[in-house]
C-alpha cells in the first residue's frame, strides 16, 4: 500500500510532466515559458531534473531486465564434471 507522501509525489510528477511537455510543445525556452505561466523557474528545473532521473532509472531497470537470462523455475543448470554420486 502506498503512503500518502508516495501518492502526492506521483501526482506531482504527473502534473510536472504535463507542464514540461507543454513547455516543449510551445517551443519556448524554459525561462520564457515560466515567465509566461507565472512559474518559478527553479521549481520548473527541479521537477525537470526529478523526471529525468526517474526516466533514467526506469531505462536502467529495463536494460537490466533485458540482460538477465530467462530461467525456468525449478530448472537447475548442470554442473560441469559432476559425478553421479555428486548429483
PDB file of N, CA and C in Angstrom:
ATOM      1  N   UNK A   1       0.844  -1.180   0.000  1.00  0.00           N
ATOM      2  CA  UNK A   1       0.000   0.000   0.000  1.00  0.00           C
ATOM      3  C   UNK A   1       0.894   1.251   0.000  1.00  0.00           C
ATOM      4  N   UNK A   2       0.545   2.199  -0.827  1.00  0.00           N
ATOM      5  CA  UNK A   2       1.324   3.428  -0.937  1.00  0.00           C
ATOM      6  C   UNK A   2       0.980   4.374   0.207  1.00  0.00           C
ATOM      7  N   UNK A   3       2.016   5.085   0.664  1.00  0.00           N
ATOM      8  CA  UNK A   3       1.790   6.091   1.697  1.00  0.00           C
ATOM      9  C   UNK A   3       1.215   7.350   1.048  1.00  0.00           C
ATOM     10  N   UNK A   4       0.731   8.234   1.879  1.00  0.00           N
ATOM     11  CA  UNK A   4       0.171   9.495   1.392  1.00  0.00           C
ATOM     12  C   UNK A   4       1.253  10.289   0.649  1.00  0.00           C
ATOM     13  N   UNK A   5       2.474  10.287   1.188  1.00  0.00           N
ATOM     14  CA  UNK A   5       3.563  11.018   0.538  1.00  0.00           C
ATOM     15  C   UNK A   5       3.900  10.443  -0.827  1.00  0.00           C
ATOM     16  N   UNK A   6       3.848   9.116  -0.971  1.00  0.00           N
ATOM     17  CA  UNK A   6       4.120   8.492  -2.262  1.00  0.00           C
ATOM     18  C   UNK A   6       3.058   8.884  -3.281  1.00  0.00           C
ATOM     19  N   UNK A   7       1.815   8.910  -2.859  1.00  0.00           N
ATOM     20  CA  UNK A   7       0.718   9.289  -3.761  1.00  0.00           C
ATOM     21  C   UNK A   7       0.863  10.747  -4.178  1.00  0.00           C
ATOM     22  N   UNK A   8       1.187  11.621  -3.215  1.00  0.00           N
ATOM     23  CA  UNK A   8       1.378  13.045  -3.527  1.00  0.00           C
ATOM     24  C   UNK A   8       2.528  13.231  -4.517  1.00  0.00           C
ATOM     25  N   UNK A   9       3.615  12.501  -4.309  1.00  0.00           N
ATOM     26  CA  UNK A   9       4.773  12.608  -5.204  1.00  0.00           C
ATOM     27  C   UNK A   9       4.394  12.155  -6.610  1.00  0.00           C
ATOM     28  N   UNK A  10       3.659  11.050  -6.708  1.00  0.00           N
ATOM     29  CA  UNK A  10       3.213  10.561  -8.016  1.00  0.00           C
ATOM     30  C   UNK A  10       2.364  11.609  -8.732  1.00  0.00           C
ATOM     31  N   UNK A  11       1.466  12.233  -7.988  1.00  0.00           N
ATOM     32  CA  UNK A  11       0.604  13.261  -8.582  1.00  0.00           C
ATOM     33  C   UNK A  11       1.427  14.470  -9.025  1.00  0.00           C
ATOM     34  N   UNK A  12       2.407  14.860  -8.211  1.00  0.00           N
ATOM     35  CA  UNK A  12       3.268  15.983  -8.589  1.00  0.00           C
ATOM     36  C   UNK A  12       4.075  15.658  -9.836  1.00  0.00           C
ATOM     37  N   UNK A  13       4.593  14.433  -9.914  1.00  0.00           N
ATOM     38  CA  UNK A  13       5.347  14.024 -11.096  1.00  0.00           C
ATOM     39  C   UNK A  13       4.481  14.086 -12.347  1.00  0.00           C
ATOM     40  N   UNK A  14       3.244  13.608 -12.248  1.00  0.00           N
ATOM     41  CA  UNK A  14       2.330  13.652 -13.397  1.00  0.00           C
ATOM     42  C   UNK A  14       2.061  15.094 -13.823  1.00  0.00           C
ATOM     43  N   UNK A  15       1.788  15.940 -12.831  1.00  0.00           N
ATOM     44  CA  UNK A  15       1.491  17.353 -13.113  1.00  0.00           C
ATOM     45  C   UNK A  15       2.671  18.021 -13.816  1.00  0.00           C
ATOM     46  N   UNK A  16       3.871  17.825 -13.276  1.00  0.00           N
ATOM     47  CA  UNK A  16       5.039  18.490 -13.839  1.00  0.00           C
ATOM     48  C   UNK A  16       5.454  17.888 -15.167  1.00  0.00           C
ATOM     49  N   UNK A  17       5.197  16.622 -15.369  1.00  0.00           N
ATOM     50  CA  UNK A  17       5.476  16.023 -16.673  1.00  0.00           C
ATOM     51  C   UNK A  17       4.621  16.698 -17.742  1.00  0.00           C
ATOM     52  N   UNK A  18       3.372  16.955 -17.431  1.00  0.00           N
ATOM     53  CA  UNK A  18       2.490  17.650 -18.378  1.00  0.00           C
ATOM     54  C   UNK A  18       2.965  19.085 -18.615  1.00  0.00           C
ATOM     55  N   UNK A  19       3.400  19.759 -17.573  1.00  0.00           N
ATOM     56  CA  UNK A  19       3.905  21.132 -17.719  1.00  0.00           C
ATOM     57  C   UNK A  19       5.138  21.145 -18.616  1.00  0.00           C
ATOM     58  N   UNK A  20       6.046  20.209 -18.391  1.00  0.00           N
ATOM     59  CA  UNK A  20       7.277  20.157 -19.185  1.00  0.00           C
ATOM     60  C   UNK A  20       6.964  19.799 -20.640  1.00  0.00           C
ATOM     61  N   UNK A  21       6.026  18.882 -20.852  1.00  0.00           N
ATOM     62  CA  UNK A  21       5.616  18.560 -22.222  1.00  0.00           C
ATOM     63  C   UNK A  21       5.027  19.791 -22.907  1.00  0.00           C
ATOM     64  N   UNK A  22       4.218  20.547 -22.168  1.00  0.00           N
ATOM     65  CA  UNK A  22       3.608  21.753 -22.728  1.00  0.00           C
ATOM     66  C   UNK A  22       4.670  22.779 -23.082  1.00  0.00           C
ATOM     67  N   UNK A  23       5.657  22.947 -22.216  1.00  0.00           N
ATOM     68  CA  UNK A  23       6.748  23.896 -22.494  1.00  0.00           C
ATOM     69  C   UNK A  23       7.470  23.512 -23.775  1.00  0.00           C
ATOM     70  N   UNK A  24       7.765  22.241 -23.925  1.00  0.00           N
ATOM     71  CA  UNK A  24       8.494  21.793 -25.117  1.00  0.00           C
ATOM     72  C   UNK A  24       7.630  21.910 -26.371  1.00  0.00           C
ATOM     73  N   UNK A  25       6.349  21.610 -26.243  1.00  0.00           N
ATOM     74  CA  UNK A  25       5.447  21.705 -27.390  1.00  0.00           C
ATOM     75  C   UNK A  25       5.286  23.154 -27.859  1.00  0.00           C
ATOM     76  N   UNK A  26       5.357  24.102 -26.929  1.00  0.00           N
ATOM     77  CA  UNK A  26       5.225  25.511 -27.275  1.00  0.00           C
ATOM     78  C   UNK A  26       6.468  26.078 -27.932  1.00  0.00           C
ATOM     79  N   UNK A  27       7.587  25.376 -27.795  1.00  0.00           N
ATOM     80  CA  UNK A  27       8.818  25.840 -28.421  1.00  0.00           C
ATOM     81  C   UNK A  27       9.486  27.000 -27.703  1.00  0.00           C
ATOM     82  N   UNK A  28       8.973  27.365 -26.540  1.00  0.00           N
ATOM     83  CA  UNK A  28       9.580  28.451 -25.774  1.00  0.00           C
ATOM     84  C   UNK A  28      10.730  27.909 -24.930  1.00  0.00           C
ATOM     85  N   UNK A  29      11.667  28.772 -24.609  1.00  0.00           N
ATOM     86  CA  UNK A  29      12.700  28.370 -23.661  1.00  0.00           C
ATOM     87  C   UNK A  29      12.028  28.150 -22.308  1.00  0.00           C
ATOM     88  N   UNK A  30      12.717  27.439 -21.444  1.00  0.00           N
ATOM     89  CA  UNK A  30      12.158  27.195 -20.112  1.00  0.00           C
ATOM     90  C   UNK A  30      11.903  28.512 -19.386  1.00  0.00           C
ATOM     91  N   UNK A  31      12.848  29.443 -19.496  1.00  0.00           N
ATOM     92  CA  UNK A  31      12.686  30.736 -18.816  1.00  0.00           C
ATOM     93  C   UNK A  31      11.491  31.517 -19.353  1.00  0.00           C
ATOM     94  N   UNK A  32      11.364  31.564 -20.675  1.00  0.00           N
ATOM     95  CA  UNK A  32      10.238  32.290 -21.279  1.00  0.00           C
ATOM     96  C   UNK A  32       8.908  31.643 -20.908  1.00  0.00           C
ATOM     97  N   UNK A  33       8.879  30.328 -20.923  1.00  0.00           N
ATOM     98  CA  UNK A  33       7.653  29.610 -20.565  1.00  0.00           C
ATOM     99  C   UNK A  33       7.278  29.880 -19.103  1.00  0.00           C
ATOM    100  N   UNK A  34       8.262  29.785 -18.219  1.00  0.00           N
ATOM    101  CA  UNK A  34       8.000  30.020 -16.798  1.00  0.00           C
ATOM    102  C   UNK A  34       7.487  31.439 -16.557  1.00  0.00           C
ATOM    103  N   UNK A  35       8.096  32.393 -17.240  1.00  0.00           N
ATOM    104  CA  UNK A  35       7.662  33.783 -17.091  1.00  0.00           C
ATOM    105  C   UNK A  35       6.223  33.946 -17.563  1.00  0.00           C
ATOM    106  N   UNK A  36       5.915  33.370 -18.713  1.00  0.00           N
ATOM    107  CA  UNK A  36       4.564  33.472 -19.274  1.00  0.00           C
ATOM    108  C   UNK A  36       3.520  32.817 -18.379  1.00  0.00           C
ATOM    109  N   UNK A  37       3.882  31.658 -17.784  1.00  0.00           N
ATOM    110  CA  UNK A  37       2.922  30.892 -16.979  1.00  0.00           C
ATOM    111  C   UNK A  37       2.948  31.255 -15.488  1.00  0.00           C
ATOM    112  N   UNK A  38       3.885  32.119 -15.104  1.00  0.00           N
ATOM    113  CA  UNK A  38       3.979  32.512 -13.699  1.00  0.00           C
ATOM    114  C   UNK A  38       4.552  31.409 -12.817  1.00  0.00           C
ATOM    115  N   UNK A  39       5.461  30.629 -13.386  1.00  0.00           N
ATOM    116  CA  UNK A  39       6.097  29.527 -12.662  1.00  0.00           C
ATOM    117  C   UNK A  39       7.488  29.981 -12.228  1.00  0.00           C
ATOM    118  N   UNK A  40       7.856  29.650 -11.001  1.00  0.00           N
ATOM    119  CA  UNK A  40       9.213  29.948 -10.530  1.00  0.00           C
ATOM    120  C   UNK A  40      10.155  29.018 -11.293  1.00  0.00           C
ATOM    121  N   UNK A  41      11.138  29.595 -11.988  1.00  0.00           N
ATOM    122  CA  UNK A  41      11.981  28.791 -12.874  1.00  0.00           C
ATOM    123  C   UNK A  41      12.788  27.733 -12.119  1.00  0.00           C
ATOM    124  N   UNK A  42      13.191  28.010 -10.878  1.00  0.00           N
ATOM    125  CA  UNK A  42      13.945  26.996 -10.128  1.00  0.00           C
ATOM    126  C   UNK A  42      13.065  25.788  -9.803  1.00  0.00           C
ATOM    127  N   UNK A  43      11.790  26.027  -9.596  1.00  0.00           N
ATOM    128  CA  UNK A  43      10.852  24.926  -9.356  1.00  0.00           C
ATOM    129  C   UNK A  43      10.700  24.095 -10.627  1.00  0.00           C
ATOM    130  N   UNK A  44      10.579  24.780 -11.748  1.00  0.00           N
ATOM    131  CA  UNK A  44      10.491  24.091 -13.033  1.00  0.00           C
ATOM    132  C   UNK A  44      11.715  23.213 -13.242  1.00  0.00           C
ATOM    133  N   UNK A  45      12.907  23.763 -13.034  1.00  0.00           N
ATOM    134  CA  UNK A  45      14.135  22.999 -13.237  1.00  0.00           C
ATOM    135  C   UNK A  45      14.258  21.842 -12.244  1.00  0.00           C
ATOM    136  N   UNK A  46      13.802  22.039 -11.018  1.00  0.00           N
ATOM    137  CA  UNK A  46      13.824  20.967 -10.019  1.00  0.00           C
ATOM    138  C   UNK A  46      13.019  19.769 -10.526  1.00  0.00           C
ATOM    139  N   UNK A  47      11.789  20.034 -10.958  1.00  0.00           N
ATOM    140  CA  UNK A  47      10.924  18.926 -11.393  1.00  0.00           C
ATOM    141  C   UNK A  47      11.408  18.327 -12.708  1.00  0.00           C
ATOM    142  N   UNK A  48      11.971  19.140 -13.576  1.00  0.00           N
ATOM    143  CA  UNK A  48      12.541  18.616 -14.812  1.00  0.00           C
ATOM    144  C   UNK A  48      13.659  17.629 -14.475  1.00  0.00           C
ATOM    145  N   UNK A  49      14.485  17.995 -13.503  1.00  0.00           N
ATOM    146  CA  UNK A  49      15.581  17.136 -13.072  1.00  0.00           C
ATOM    147  C   UNK A  49      15.050  15.851 -12.435  1.00  0.00           C
ATOM    148  N   UNK A  50      14.021  15.961 -11.609  1.00  0.00           N
ATOM    149  CA  UNK A  50      13.443  14.785 -10.963  1.00  0.00           C
ATOM    150  C   UNK A  50      12.890  13.800 -11.993  1.00  0.00           C
ATOM    151  N   UNK A  51      12.223  14.322 -13.001  1.00  0.00           N
ATOM    152  CA  UNK A  51      11.645  13.477 -14.048  1.00  0.00           C
ATOM    153  C   UNK A  51      12.739  12.826 -14.872  1.00  0.00           C
ATOM    154  N   UNK A  52      13.791  13.563 -15.180  1.00  0.00           N
ATOM    155  CA  UNK A  52      14.906  12.986 -15.926  1.00  0.00           C
ATOM    156  C   UNK A  52      15.554  11.844 -15.142  1.00  0.00           C
ATOM    157  N   UNK A  53      15.758  12.032 -13.852  1.00  0.00           N
ATOM    158  CA  UNK A  53      16.328  10.977 -13.008  1.00  0.00           C
ATOM    159  C   UNK A  53      15.442   9.738 -13.011  1.00  0.00           C
ATOM    160  N   UNK A  54      14.134   9.957 -12.889  1.00  0.00           N
ATOM    161  CA  UNK A  54      13.189   8.849 -12.877  1.00  0.00           C
ATOM    162  C   UNK A  54      13.214   8.092 -14.199  1.00  0.00           C
ATOM    163  N   UNK A  55      13.250   8.811 -15.302  1.00  0.00           N
ATOM    164  CA  UNK A  55      13.287   8.168 -16.615  1.00  0.00           C
ATOM    165  C   UNK A  55      14.578   7.385 -16.820  1.00  0.00           C
ATOM    166  N   UNK A  56      15.693   7.928 -16.354  1.00  0.00           N
ATOM    167  CA  UNK A  56      16.976   7.215 -16.453  1.00  0.00           C
ATOM    168  C   UNK A  56      16.928   5.950 -15.614  1.00  0.00           C
ATOM    169  N   UNK A  57      16.385   6.058 -14.417  1.00  0.00           N
ATOM    170  CA  UNK A  57      16.266   4.892 -13.528  1.00  0.00           C
ATOM    171  C   UNK A  57      15.399   3.804 -14.171  1.00  0.00           C
ATOM    172  N   UNK A  58      14.271   4.198 -14.740  1.00  0.00           N
ATOM    173  CA  UNK A  58      13.391   3.233 -15.403  1.00  0.00           C
ATOM    174  C   UNK A  58      14.100   2.582 -16.590  1.00  0.00           C
ATOM    175  N   UNK A  59      14.836   3.366 -17.349  1.00  0.00           N
ATOM    176  CA  UNK A  59      15.566   2.835 -18.504  1.00  0.00           C
ATOM    177  C   UNK A  59      16.614   1.818 -18.051  1.00  0.00           C
ATOM    178  N   UNK A  60      17.337   2.149 -16.988  1.00  0.00           N
ATOM    179  CA  UNK A  60      18.356   1.230 -16.474  1.00  0.00           C
ATOM    180  C   UNK A  60      17.733  -0.074 -15.984  1.00  0.00           C
ATOM    181  N   UNK A  61      16.575   0.014 -15.342  1.00  0.00           N
ATOM    182  CA  UNK A  61      15.890  -1.192 -14.879  1.00  0.00           C
ATOM    183  C   UNK A  61      15.449  -2.049 -16.062  1.00  0.00           C
ATOM    184  N   UNK A  62      14.976  -1.420 -17.123  1.00  0.00           N
ATOM    185  CA  UNK A  62      14.570  -2.162 -18.315  1.00  0.00           C
ATOM    186  C   UNK A  62      15.762  -2.838 -18.959  1.00  0.00           C
ATOM    187  N   UNK A  63      16.895  -2.147 -19.007  1.00  0.00           N
ATOM    188  CA  UNK A  63      18.105  -2.727 -19.593  1.00  0.00           C
ATOM    189  C   UNK A  63      18.592  -3.912 -18.764  1.00  0.00           C
ATOM    190  N   UNK A  64      18.535  -3.809 -17.448  1.00  0.00           N
ATOM    191  CA  UNK A  64      18.929  -4.923 -16.590  1.00  0.00           C
ATOM    192  C   UNK A  64      18.021  -6.122 -16.811  1.00  0.00           C
ATOM    193  N   UNK A  65      16.732  -5.858 -16.944  1.00  0.00           N
ATOM    194  CA  UNK A  65      15.773  -6.944 -17.151  1.00  0.00           C
ATOM    195  C   UNK A  65      16.034  -7.644 -18.486  1.00  0.00           C
ATOM    196  N   UNK A  66      16.428  -6.886 -19.503  1.00  0.00           N
ATOM    197  CA  UNK A  66      16.741  -7.478 -20.807  1.00  0.00           C
ATOM    198  C   UNK A  66      18.012  -8.318 -20.734  1.00  0.00           C
ATOM    199  N   UNK A  67      18.958  -7.886 -19.926  1.00  0.00           N
ATOM    200  CA  UNK A  67      20.254  -8.555 -19.849  1.00  0.00           C
ATOM    201  C   UNK A  67      20.202  -9.862 -19.064  1.00  0.00           C
ATOM    202  N   UNK A  68      19.232  -9.997 -18.180  1.00  0.00           N
ATOM    203  CA  UNK A  68      19.137 -11.208 -17.376  1.00  0.00           C
ATOM    204  C   UNK A  68      18.644 -12.372 -18.234  1.00  0.00           C
ATOM    205  N   UNK A  69      19.296 -13.525 -18.141  1.00  0.00           N
ATOM    206  CA  UNK A  69      18.822 -14.670 -18.909  1.00  0.00           C
ATOM    207  C   UNK A  69      17.512 -15.210 -18.320  1.00  0.00           C
ATOM    208  N   UNK A  70      16.679 -15.686 -19.186  1.00  0.00           N
ATOM    209  CA  UNK A  70      15.411 -16.261 -18.738  1.00  0.00           C
ATOM    210  C   UNK A  70      15.689 -17.639 -18.142  1.00  0.00           C
ATOM    211  N   UNK A  71      15.277 -17.837 -16.914  1.00  0.00           N
ATOM    212  CA  UNK A  71      15.483 -19.110 -16.242  1.00  0.00           C
ATOM    213  C   UNK A  71      14.123 -19.650 -15.839  1.00  0.00           C
ATOM    214  N   UNK A  72      13.882 -20.895 -16.192  1.00  0.00           N
ATOM    215  CA  UNK A  72      12.617 -21.517 -15.836  1.00  0.00           C
ATOM    216  C   UNK A  72      12.663 -21.926 -14.369  1.00  0.00           C
ATOM    217  N   UNK A  73      11.576 -21.724 -13.637  1.00  0.00           N
ATOM    218  CA  UNK A  73      11.552 -22.140 -12.242  1.00  0.00           C
ATOM    219  C   UNK A  73      11.774 -23.649 -12.123  1.00  0.00           C
ATOM    220  N   UNK A  74      12.581 -24.035 -11.176  1.00  0.00           N
ATOM    221  CA  UNK A  74      12.830 -25.456 -10.945  1.00  0.00           C
ATOM    222  C   UNK A  74      13.901 -26.042 -11.832  1.00  0.00           C
ATOM    223  N   UNK A  75      14.389 -25.275 -12.798  1.00  0.00           N
ATOM    224  CA  UNK A  75      15.422 -25.774 -13.698  1.00  0.00           C
ATOM    225  C   UNK A  75      16.773 -25.523 -13.074  1.00  0.00           C
ATOM    226  N   UNK A  76      17.583 -26.571 -13.004  1.00  0.00           N
ATOM    227  CA  UNK A  76      18.922 -26.429 -12.453  1.00  0.00           C
ATOM    228  C   UNK A  76      19.938 -26.644 -13.558  1.00  0.00           C
ATOM    229  N   UNK A  77      20.889 -25.773 -13.608  1.00  0.00           N
ATOM    230  CA  UNK A  77      21.942 -25.845 -14.606  1.00  0.00           C
ATOM    231  C   UNK A  77      22.852 -27.035 -14.270  1.00  0.00           C
ATOM    232  N   UNK A  78      23.200 -27.852 -15.266  1.00  0.00           N
ATOM    233  CA  UNK A  78      24.077 -28.987 -14.982  1.00  0.00           C
ATOM    234  C   UNK A  78      25.452 -28.512 -14.541  1.00  0.00           C
ATOM    235  N   UNK A  79      26.013 -29.242 -13.608  1.00  0.00           N
ATOM    236  CA  UNK A  79      27.336 -28.914 -13.098  1.00  0.00           C
ATOM    237  C   UNK A  79      28.360 -29.637 -13.949  1.00  0.00           C
ATOM    238  N   UNK A  80      29.384 -28.890 -14.415  1.00  0.00           N
ATOM    239  CA  UNK A  80      30.417 -29.481 -15.238  1.00  0.00           C
ATOM    240  C   UNK A  80      31.228 -30.483 -14.424  1.00  0.00           C
ATOM    241  N   UNK A  81      31.611 -31.588 -15.071  1.00  0.00           N
ATOM    242  CA  UNK A  81      32.428 -32.622 -14.452  1.00  0.00           C
ATOM    243  C   UNK A  81      31.804 -33.211 -13.186  1.00  0.00           C
ATOM    244  N   UNK A  82      30.503 -33.218 -13.092  1.00  0.00           N
ATOM    245  CA  UNK A  82      29.859 -33.799 -11.915  1.00  0.00           C
ATOM    246  C   UNK A  82      29.797 -35.303 -12.045  1.00  0.00           C
ATOM    247  N   UNK A  83      30.053 -35.983 -10.953  1.00  0.00           N
ATOM    248  CA  UNK A  83      29.945 -37.445 -10.913  1.00  0.00           C
ATOM    249  C   UNK A  83      28.541 -37.798 -10.484  1.00  0.00           C
ATOM    250  N   UNK A  84      28.127 -39.015 -10.797  1.00  0.00           N
ATOM    251  CA  UNK A  84      26.787 -39.432 -10.410  1.00  0.00           C
ATOM    252  C   UNK A  84      26.578 -39.323  -8.906  1.00  0.00           C
ATOM    253  N   UNK A  85      27.599 -39.603  -8.121  1.00  0.00           N
ATOM    254  CA  UNK A  85      27.476 -39.531  -6.669  1.00  0.00           C
ATOM    255  C   UNK A  85      27.305 -38.090  -6.192  1.00  0.00           C
ATOM    256  N   UNK A  86      27.843 -37.115  -6.943  1.00  0.00           N
ATOM    257  CA  UNK A  86      27.729 -35.715  -6.571  1.00  0.00           C
ATOM    258  C   UNK A  86      26.336 -35.164  -6.848  1.00  0.00           C
ATOM    259  N   UNK A  87      25.636 -35.767  -7.760  1.00  0.00           N
ATOM    260  CA  UNK A  87      24.342 -35.269  -8.174  1.00  0.00           C
ATOM    261  C   UNK A  87      23.292 -35.832  -7.347  1.00  0.00           C
TER     262      UNK A  87
END
